[in-house]
Amino acid sequence: MATVNFSVPDDVKEAFNRAFAAENKSAVIARLMREAVDEVERQRQRQAAFRLLTERREDRPSMTDDEIREVREAGRP
């Protein structure tokens, strides 16, 4: 197991200690670090998906408003 040292503002440390007074602070910090890593990965995946969708947009067939209206109305009684 590794030991990590961080410098944080005193008010953050005090608030953290109050919020997690009854918990194992090392376990809390490890959980928060895992959540942060997971969130960064989710952001990367969302950005990659957005890029892919944006790039593929140029390859999709496009229709004019009139063509779309025709298709919508074609199946209506």
Protein backbone atom coordinates (compact mmCIF):
# COMPACT_ATOMS: atom_id res chain seq x y z
CA MET A 1 0.00 0.00 0.00
CA ALA A 2 1.32 3.45 -0.90
CA THR A 3 1.43 6.56 1.25
CA VAL A 4 0.42 9.83 -0.40
CA ASN A 5 0.85 13.34 0.98
CA PHE A 6 -1.34 16.23 -0.16
CA SER A 7 -1.44 19.84 0.86
CA VAL A 8 -4.96 21.19 1.23
CA PRO A 9 -6.33 24.42 2.62
CA ASP A 10 -7.03 24.30 6.36
CA ASP A 11 -10.75 24.93 5.91
CA VAL A 12 -11.02 21.95 3.54
CA LYS A 13 -9.18 19.71 6.01
CA GLU A 14 -11.41 20.82 8.88
CA ALA A 15 -14.59 20.32 6.84
CA PHE A 16 -13.37 16.88 5.72
CA ASN A 17 -12.57 15.87 9.30
CA ARG A 18 -16.03 17.00 10.45
CA ALA A 19 -17.84 15.29 7.59
CA PHE A 20 -16.01 11.98 7.98
CA ALA A 21 -15.32 12.02 11.72
CA ALA A 22 -16.63 8.51 12.31
CA GLU A 23 -15.02 6.94 9.23
CA ASN A 24 -11.65 5.58 8.26
CA LYS A 25 -10.23 8.63 6.50
CA SER A 26 -7.74 6.62 4.45
CA ALA A 27 -10.59 4.50 3.10
CA VAL A 28 -12.64 7.63 2.34
CA ILE A 29 -9.74 9.24 0.47
CA ALA A 30 -9.11 6.01 -1.49
CA ARG A 31 -12.81 5.83 -2.46
CA LEU A 32 -12.86 9.48 -3.52
CA MET A 33 -9.72 8.97 -5.59
CA ARG A 34 -11.27 5.92 -7.32
CA GLU A 35 -14.42 7.94 -8.05
CA ALA A 36 -12.32 10.76 -9.52
CA VAL A 37 -10.43 8.32 -11.75
CA ASP A 38 -13.71 6.72 -12.88
CA GLU A 39 -15.21 10.14 -13.65
CA VAL A 40 -12.21 11.11 -15.79
CA GLU A 41 -12.59 7.86 -17.74
CA ARG A 42 -16.32 8.50 -18.25
CA GLN A 43 -15.52 12.01 -19.52
CA ARG A 44 -12.98 10.59 -21.98
CA GLN A 45 -15.51 8.03 -23.22
CA ARG A 46 -18.20 10.72 -23.66
CA GLN A 47 -15.77 12.93 -25.57
CA ALA A 48 -14.74 10.03 -27.82
CA ALA A 49 -18.38 9.14 -28.50
CA PHE A 50 -19.20 12.78 -29.28
CA ARG A 51 -16.25 13.01 -31.67
CA LEU A 52 -17.31 9.81 -33.42
CA LEU A 53 -20.92 10.94 -33.76
CA THR A 54 -19.82 14.34 -35.03
CA GLU A 55 -17.48 12.80 -37.60
CA ARG A 56 -20.16 10.37 -38.80
CA ARG A 57 -22.70 13.16 -39.16
CA GLU A 58 -21.08 14.11 -42.48
CA ASP A 59 -21.59 10.55 -43.80
CA ARG A 60 -25.29 10.33 -42.93
CA PRO A 61 -27.79 10.97 -45.67
CA SER A 62 -29.44 14.34 -45.32
CA MET A 63 -32.95 15.39 -46.26
CA THR A 64 -34.59 18.73 -46.85
CA ASP A 65 -37.48 19.87 -44.68
CA ASP A 66 -39.85 19.18 -47.57
CA GLU A 67 -38.55 15.60 -47.96
CA ILE A 68 -38.96 14.97 -44.25
CA ARG A 69 -42.51 16.34 -44.32
CA GLU A 70 -43.35 14.09 -47.29
CA VAL A 71 -42.10 10.99 -45.48
CA ARG A 72 -44.03 11.89 -42.31
CA GLU A 73 -47.24 12.50 -44.19
CA ALA A 74 -46.92 9.48 -46.48
CA GLY A 75 -48.00 7.01 -43.81
CA ARG A 76 -50.83 9.10 -42.38
CA PRO A 77 -54.46 8.37 -43.26
